[in-house]
Amino acid sequence: MDAAAILKERFPLKEITPARYKTMGGLLMRFHLEQYEAEGLGNLCVLRTKAMLGLMKLTTVVVTPNTGKNVPFLLIDTMDMGKKHLCYVEYYDCTAAGADKDLLLAAGAPYADVENYAEKPAWYVSERMAGSLIKAGDRERLARMARDALTAYAEQAAQAPVKAENLPGLQAFQKRMIEEGNPSTAALTRTLGREGAKAFFRQVVMPV
């Protein structure tokens, strides 16, 4: 999925990838970063990871609506390892009075029959907005699901108003993500160190 191309249809993009982060890691785990400023929306972070000498491939797409757009924080993760294929489309409603979501729900509806993936309990699971998709199955269908979700998100965001009162909730969620962590935290910490990983998250993954 070309996340930048999808968002660029609705929002002007400016690449702002810090040179020191563009390529990170070593043979066992290698990261490639792209970071963009989406004018009128916020921050786009695309992190591609190869692990286990390329046997595992992961892509993380994060959209942080730090302009105050009345849409949720979006996190899309895909993982391919042998015959195992996963896709997480996670919406987190950090807005003050409720995020615009009709298009997001409609985009996810055709994938209701795709197998739900049984994940381990974690603090962020209960924070997810209705319409989030945690799925396993056919690689191509999961890829379509991710593209449809991001396309709908961009369309929803293009229609959504900007509300300054949405920013405190986004800032509070950023703090939780940094302090309580998610599945990417351990890998980034091994590569950048504890404080380096925190700075990377604040500056690149979820700047608010």
C-alpha atoms as a PDB file:
ATOM      1  CA  MET A   1       0.000   0.000   0.000  1.00  0.00           C
ATOM      2  CA  ASP A   2       1.345   3.397  -1.002  1.00  0.00           C
ATOM      3  CA  ALA A   3       0.023   5.438   1.926  1.00  0.00           C
ATOM      4  CA  ALA A   4       1.569   8.685   0.704  1.00  0.00           C
ATOM      5  CA  ALA A   5      -0.117   8.387  -2.700  1.00  0.00           C
ATOM      6  CA  ILE A   6      -3.510   7.748  -1.088  1.00  0.00           C
ATOM      7  CA  LEU A   7      -3.321  10.768   1.215  1.00  0.00           C
ATOM      8  CA  LYS A   8      -1.879  12.945  -1.538  1.00  0.00           C
ATOM      9  CA  GLU A   9      -5.162  12.662  -3.438  1.00  0.00           C
ATOM     10  CA  ARG A  10      -6.794  14.742  -0.685  1.00  0.00           C
ATOM     11  CA  PHE A  11      -3.999  16.615   1.075  1.00  0.00           C
ATOM     12  CA  PRO A  12      -0.760  18.223  -0.187  1.00  0.00           C
ATOM     13  CA  LEU A  13       2.198  16.274   1.201  1.00  0.00           C
ATOM     14  CA  LYS A  14       5.662  17.462   2.105  1.00  0.00           C
ATOM     15  CA  GLU A  15       8.288  14.856   2.951  1.00  0.00           C
ATOM     16  CA  ILE A  16      10.076  15.693   6.201  1.00  0.00           C
ATOM     17  CA  THR A  17      11.907  12.424   6.903  1.00  0.00           C
ATOM     18  CA  PRO A  18      14.847  13.106   9.255  1.00  0.00           C
ATOM     19  CA  ALA A  19      18.024  11.809   7.600  1.00  0.00           C
ATOM     20  CA  ARG A  20      19.227  10.143  10.817  1.00  0.00           C
ATOM     21  CA  TYR A  21      16.127   7.956  10.970  1.00  0.00           C
ATOM     22  CA  LYS A  22      15.643   7.126   7.279  1.00  0.00           C
ATOM     23  CA  THR A  23      17.381   3.754   7.648  1.00  0.00           C
ATOM     24  CA  MET A  24      17.951   2.162  11.052  1.00  0.00           C
ATOM     25  CA  GLY A  25      18.910  -1.153  12.542  1.00  0.00           C
ATOM     26  CA  GLY A  26      21.053  -4.036  11.304  1.00  0.00           C
ATOM     27  CA  LEU A  27      20.827  -7.442   9.661  1.00  0.00           C
ATOM     28  CA  LEU A  28      18.385  -8.934  12.178  1.00  0.00           C
ATOM     29  CA  MET A  29      15.959  -5.992  12.094  1.00  0.00           C
ATOM     30  CA  ARG A  30      16.060  -3.207   9.526  1.00  0.00           C
ATOM     31  CA  PHE A  31      13.793  -0.137   9.484  1.00  0.00           C
ATOM     32  CA  HIS A  32      13.050   2.205   6.588  1.00  0.00           C
ATOM     33  CA  LEU A  33      11.191   5.411   7.429  1.00  0.00           C
ATOM     34  CA  GLU A  34       9.130   7.931   5.501  1.00  0.00           C
ATOM     35  CA  GLN A  35       7.594  10.927   7.268  1.00  0.00           C
ATOM     36  CA  TYR A  36       5.317  13.504   5.696  1.00  0.00           C
ATOM     37  CA  GLU A  37       3.429  16.626   6.685  1.00  0.00           C
ATOM     38  CA  ALA A  38      -0.083  16.369   5.274  1.00  0.00           C
ATOM     39  CA  GLU A  39      -1.249  19.964   4.929  1.00  0.00           C
ATOM     40  CA  GLY A  40      -4.551  20.503   6.707  1.00  0.00           C
ATOM     41  CA  LEU A  41      -4.493  17.064   8.331  1.00  0.00           C
ATOM     42  CA  GLY A  42      -1.329  16.287  10.278  1.00  0.00           C
ATOM     43  CA  ASN A  43       1.542  13.821  10.298  1.00  0.00           C
ATOM     44  CA  LEU A  44       2.003  10.679   8.205  1.00  0.00           C
ATOM     45  CA  CYS A  45       4.581   8.137   9.335  1.00  0.00           C
ATOM     46  CA  VAL A  46       5.338   5.026   7.262  1.00  0.00           C
ATOM     47  CA  LEU A  47       7.756   2.560   8.844  1.00  0.00           C
ATOM     48  CA  ARG A  48       8.746  -0.568   6.926  1.00  0.00           C
ATOM     49  CA  THR A  49      10.562  -3.278   8.840  1.00  0.00           C
ATOM     50  CA  LYS A  50      12.351  -6.439   7.767  1.00  0.00           C
ATOM     51  CA  ALA A  51      13.203  -8.932  10.486  1.00  0.00           C
ATOM     52  CA  MET A  52      14.520 -12.478  10.746  1.00  0.00           C
ATOM     53  CA  LEU A  53      16.761 -11.924   7.694  1.00  0.00           C
ATOM     54  CA  GLY A  54      13.769 -10.811   5.641  1.00  0.00           C
ATOM     55  CA  LEU A  55      11.490 -13.704   6.559  1.00  0.00           C
ATOM     56  CA  MET A  56       9.198 -11.296   8.424  1.00  0.00           C
ATOM     57  CA  LYS A  57       8.015  -8.074   6.812  1.00  0.00           C
ATOM     58  CA  LEU A  58       6.041  -5.434   8.659  1.00  0.00           C
ATOM     59  CA  THR A  59       4.608  -2.110   7.572  1.00  0.00           C
ATOM     60  CA  THR A  60       3.243   0.485   9.973  1.00  0.00           C
ATOM     61  CA  VAL A  61       1.244   3.485   8.789  1.00  0.00           C
ATOM     62  CA  VAL A  62       0.371   6.150  11.361  1.00  0.00           C
ATOM     63  CA  VAL A  63      -1.759   9.231  10.739  1.00  0.00           C
ATOM     64  CA  THR A  64      -1.810  11.768  13.546  1.00  0.00           C
ATOM     65  CA  PRO A  65      -4.453  14.490  12.957  1.00  0.00           C
ATOM     66  CA  ASN A  66      -2.474  17.113  14.852  1.00  0.00           C
ATOM     67  CA  THR A  67      -4.210  20.018  13.120  1.00  0.00           C
ATOM     68  CA  GLY A  68      -7.284  19.191  15.200  1.00  0.00           C
ATOM     69  CA  LYS A  69      -9.184  17.476  12.393  1.00  0.00           C
ATOM     70  CA  ASN A  70     -12.264  15.771  13.786  1.00  0.00           C
ATOM     71  CA  VAL A  71     -11.136  12.241  12.886  1.00  0.00           C
ATOM     72  CA  PRO A  72      -9.515   9.507  14.982  1.00  0.00           C
ATOM     73  CA  PHE A  73      -5.839   8.756  15.315  1.00  0.00           C
ATOM     74  CA  LEU A  74      -5.130   5.984  12.789  1.00  0.00           C
ATOM     75  CA  LEU A  75      -2.691   3.102  13.057  1.00  0.00           C
ATOM     76  CA  ILE A  76      -2.421   0.426  10.338  1.00  0.00           C
ATOM     77  CA  ASP A  77      -0.081  -2.532  10.810  1.00  0.00           C
ATOM     78  CA  THR A  78       0.510  -5.343   8.339  1.00  0.00           C
ATOM     79  CA  MET A  79       2.691  -8.389   8.898  1.00  0.00           C
ATOM     80  CA  ASP A  80       3.728 -11.128   6.484  1.00  0.00           C
ATOM     81  CA  MET A  81       5.704 -14.153   7.648  1.00  0.00           C
ATOM     82  CA  GLY A  82       5.517 -17.321   5.600  1.00  0.00           C
ATOM     83  CA  LYS A  83       1.856 -18.268   5.323  1.00  0.00           C
ATOM     84  CA  LYS A  84       0.822 -15.972   8.180  1.00  0.00           C
ATOM     85  CA  HIS A  85      -0.653 -12.629   7.160  1.00  0.00           C
ATOM     86  CA  LEU A  86      -2.117 -10.071   9.571  1.00  0.00           C
ATOM     87  CA  CYS A  87      -3.584  -6.606   9.207  1.00  0.00           C
ATOM     88  CA  TYR A  88      -4.605  -4.276  12.011  1.00  0.00           C
ATOM     89  CA  VAL A  89      -6.613  -1.149  11.232  1.00  0.00           C
ATOM     90  CA  GLU A  90      -6.888   0.679  14.543  1.00  0.00           C
ATOM     91  CA  TYR A  91      -8.894   3.836  15.137  1.00  0.00           C
ATOM     92  CA  TYR A  92      -8.496   5.744  18.401  1.00  0.00           C
ATOM     93  CA  ASP A  93     -11.011   8.505  18.999  1.00  0.00           C
ATOM     94  CA  CYS A  94      -9.127  11.243  20.833  1.00  0.00           C
ATOM     95  CA  THR A  95     -11.537  14.018  19.882  1.00  0.00           C
ATOM     96  CA  ALA A  96     -13.426  16.140  22.370  1.00  0.00           C
ATOM     97  CA  ALA A  97     -16.957  15.341  21.208  1.00  0.00           C
ATOM     98  CA  GLY A  98     -16.699  12.280  18.967  1.00  0.00           C
ATOM     99  CA  ALA A  99     -14.874  11.652  15.717  1.00  0.00           C
ATOM    100  CA  ASP A 100     -16.451  11.635  12.260  1.00  0.00           C
ATOM    101  CA  LYS A 101     -16.536   7.957  11.291  1.00  0.00           C
ATOM    102  CA  ASP A 102     -19.407   7.033   8.939  1.00  0.00           C
ATOM    103  CA  LEU A 103     -17.101   6.490   5.956  1.00  0.00           C
ATOM    104  CA  LEU A 104     -14.669   4.483   8.091  1.00  0.00           C
ATOM    105  CA  LEU A 105     -17.391   2.105   9.243  1.00  0.00           C
ATOM    106  CA  ALA A 106     -18.673   1.694   5.682  1.00  0.00           C
ATOM    107  CA  ALA A 107     -15.188   0.882   4.386  1.00  0.00           C
ATOM    108  CA  GLY A 108     -14.727  -1.866   6.954  1.00  0.00           C
ATOM    109  CA  ALA A 109     -18.129  -3.505   6.503  1.00  0.00           C
ATOM    110  CA  PRO A 110     -17.184  -5.651   3.453  1.00  0.00           C
ATOM    111  CA  TYR A 111     -14.482  -7.342   5.524  1.00  0.00           C
ATOM    112  CA  ALA A 112     -16.710  -8.516   8.367  1.00  0.00           C
ATOM    113  CA  ASP A 113     -16.352 -12.093   7.155  1.00  0.00           C
ATOM    114  CA  VAL A 114     -12.547 -12.059   7.347  1.00  0.00           C
ATOM    115  CA  GLU A 115     -11.215 -14.015  10.304  1.00  0.00           C
ATOM    116  CA  ASN A 116     -10.644 -11.919  13.431  1.00  0.00           C
ATOM    117  CA  TYR A 117      -7.157 -12.375  14.837  1.00  0.00           C
ATOM    118  CA  ALA A 118      -6.994 -13.340  18.523  1.00  0.00           C
ATOM    119  CA  GLU A 119      -4.478 -10.961  20.033  1.00  0.00           C
ATOM    120  CA  LYS A 120      -3.071 -10.830  23.534  1.00  0.00           C
ATOM    121  CA  PRO A 121      -4.761  -8.523  26.071  1.00  0.00           C
ATOM    122  CA  ALA A 122      -3.293  -5.007  26.186  1.00  0.00           C
ATOM    123  CA  TRP A 123      -4.287  -1.598  27.504  1.00  0.00           C
ATOM    124  CA  TYR A 124      -4.920  -0.126  24.055  1.00  0.00           C
ATOM    125  CA  VAL A 125      -7.413  -2.798  22.951  1.00  0.00           C
ATOM    126  CA  SER A 126     -10.246  -1.305  25.013  1.00  0.00           C
ATOM    127  CA  GLU A 127      -9.382   2.178  23.708  1.00  0.00           C
ATOM    128  CA  ARG A 128     -10.058   1.313  20.074  1.00  0.00           C
ATOM    129  CA  MET A 129     -12.992   2.872  18.284  1.00  0.00           C
ATOM    130  CA  ALA A 130     -15.780   0.725  16.878  1.00  0.00           C
ATOM    131  CA  GLY A 131     -14.946  -0.194  13.302  1.00  0.00           C
ATOM    132  CA  SER A 132     -11.338  -1.145  14.009  1.00  0.00           C
ATOM    133  CA  LEU A 133     -10.298  -4.283  12.120  1.00  0.00           C
ATOM    134  CA  ILE A 134      -7.952  -6.909  13.581  1.00  0.00           C
ATOM    135  CA  LYS A 135      -7.772  -9.564  10.878  1.00  0.00           C
ATOM    136  CA  ALA A 136      -5.829 -12.565   9.579  1.00  0.00           C
ATOM    137  CA  GLY A 137      -6.088 -14.334   6.252  1.00  0.00           C
ATOM    138  CA  ASP A 138      -5.416 -13.887   2.561  1.00  0.00           C
ATOM    139  CA  ARG A 139      -2.595 -11.416   1.937  1.00  0.00           C
ATOM    140  CA  GLU A 140      -4.191  -9.714  -1.067  1.00  0.00           C
ATOM    141  CA  ARG A 141      -7.563  -9.279   0.609  1.00  0.00           C
ATOM    142  CA  LEU A 142      -5.942  -7.833   3.712  1.00  0.00           C
ATOM    143  CA  ALA A 143      -3.991  -5.442   1.507  1.00  0.00           C
ATOM    144  CA  ARG A 144      -7.259  -4.279  -0.096  1.00  0.00           C
ATOM    145  CA  MET A 145      -8.755  -3.842   3.358  1.00  0.00           C
ATOM    146  CA  ALA A 146      -5.870  -1.603   4.406  1.00  0.00           C
ATOM    147  CA  ARG A 147      -6.091   0.473   1.208  1.00  0.00           C
ATOM    148  CA  ASP A 148      -9.856   0.854   1.532  1.00  0.00           C
ATOM    149  CA  ALA A 149      -9.504   1.920   5.162  1.00  0.00           C
ATOM    150  CA  LEU A 150      -6.900   4.587   4.420  1.00  0.00           C
ATOM    151  CA  THR A 151      -8.795   5.854   1.382  1.00  0.00           C
ATOM    152  CA  ALA A 152     -11.971   6.210   3.459  1.00  0.00           C
ATOM    153  CA  TYR A 153      -9.995   7.895   6.229  1.00  0.00           C
ATOM    154  CA  ALA A 154      -8.597  10.467   3.792  1.00  0.00           C
ATOM    155  CA  GLU A 155     -12.089  11.143   2.412  1.00  0.00           C
ATOM    156  CA  GLN A 156     -13.557  11.437   5.909  1.00  0.00           C
ATOM    157  CA  ALA A 157     -10.759  13.775   6.975  1.00  0.00           C
ATOM    158  CA  ALA A 158     -11.255  15.977   3.912  1.00  0.00           C
ATOM    159  CA  GLN A 159     -14.856  16.568   5.042  1.00  0.00           C
ATOM    160  CA  ALA A 160     -14.151  16.921   8.758  1.00  0.00           C
ATOM    161  CA  PRO A 161     -13.873  20.278  10.535  1.00  0.00           C
ATOM    162  CA  VAL A 162     -10.815  21.389  12.481  1.00  0.00           C
ATOM    163  CA  LYS A 163     -11.391  21.788  16.210  1.00  0.00           C
ATOM    164  CA  ALA A 164      -8.628  23.037  18.494  1.00  0.00           C
ATOM    165  CA  GLU A 165     -10.312  21.337  21.448  1.00  0.00           C
ATOM    166  CA  ASN A 166      -9.358  17.968  19.938  1.00  0.00           C
ATOM    167  CA  LEU A 167      -5.647  18.438  20.641  1.00  0.00           C
ATOM    168  CA  PRO A 168      -5.583  17.798  24.429  1.00  0.00           C
ATOM    169  CA  GLY A 169      -7.069  14.338  23.922  1.00  0.00           C
ATOM    170  CA  LEU A 170      -4.502  13.557  21.238  1.00  0.00           C
ATOM    171  CA  GLN A 171      -1.704  14.752  23.521  1.00  0.00           C
ATOM    172  CA  ALA A 172      -2.982  12.582  26.368  1.00  0.00           C
ATOM    173  CA  PHE A 173      -3.072   9.530  24.099  1.00  0.00           C
ATOM    174  CA  GLN A 174       0.450  10.247  22.860  1.00  0.00           C
ATOM    175  CA  LYS A 175       1.616  10.242  26.472  1.00  0.00           C
ATOM    176  CA  ARG A 176       0.002   6.861  27.103  1.00  0.00           C
ATOM    177  CA  MET A 177       1.521   5.398  23.951  1.00  0.00           C
ATOM    178  CA  ILE A 178       4.968   6.523  25.056  1.00  0.00           C
ATOM    179  CA  GLU A 179       4.644   5.500  28.694  1.00  0.00           C
ATOM    180  CA  GLU A 180       2.651   2.265  28.336  1.00  0.00           C
ATOM    181  CA  GLY A 181       3.904   1.166  24.940  1.00  0.00           C
ATOM    182  CA  ASN A 182       2.609  -0.972  22.091  1.00  0.00           C
ATOM    183  CA  PRO A 183       4.060  -3.887  20.066  1.00  0.00           C
ATOM    184  CA  SER A 184       6.506  -1.617  18.216  1.00  0.00           C
ATOM    185  CA  THR A 185       7.982  -0.134  21.373  1.00  0.00           C
ATOM    186  CA  ALA A 186      10.307  -3.027  22.240  1.00  0.00           C
ATOM    187  CA  ALA A 187      11.817  -3.192  18.746  1.00  0.00           C
ATOM    188  CA  LEU A 188      12.423   0.559  18.592  1.00  0.00           C
ATOM    189  CA  THR A 189      13.884   0.552  22.097  1.00  0.00           C
ATOM    190  CA  ARG A 190      16.388  -2.161  21.123  1.00  0.00           C
ATOM    191  CA  THR A 191      17.449  -0.055  18.151  1.00  0.00           C
ATOM    192  CA  LEU A 192      17.383   3.482  19.580  1.00  0.00           C
ATOM    193  CA  GLY A 193      17.577   2.958  23.339  1.00  0.00           C
ATOM    194  CA  ARG A 194      14.811   3.884  25.786  1.00  0.00           C
ATOM    195  CA  GLU A 195      15.116   7.663  25.555  1.00  0.00           C
ATOM    196  CA  GLY A 196      15.868   7.543  21.839  1.00  0.00           C
ATOM    197  CA  ALA A 197      12.713   5.541  21.202  1.00  0.00           C
ATOM    198  CA  LYS A 198      10.655   8.050  23.189  1.00  0.00           C
ATOM    199  CA  ALA A 199      12.098  10.954  21.181  1.00  0.00           C
ATOM    200  CA  PHE A 200      11.454   9.086  17.911  1.00  0.00           C
ATOM    201  CA  PHE A 201       7.833   8.560  18.878  1.00  0.00           C
ATOM    202  CA  ARG A 202       7.308  12.201  19.836  1.00  0.00           C
ATOM    203  CA  GLN A 203       9.029  13.639  16.781  1.00  0.00           C
ATOM    204  CA  VAL A 204       8.248  11.149  14.026  1.00  0.00           C
ATOM    205  CA  VAL A 205       5.545   8.597  14.837  1.00  0.00           C
ATOM    206  CA  MET A 206       3.017  10.752  16.692  1.00  0.00           C
ATOM    207  CA  PRO A 207       4.027  14.415  16.901  1.00  0.00           C
ATOM    208  CA  VAL A 208       1.373  16.559  18.567  1.00  0.00           C
END
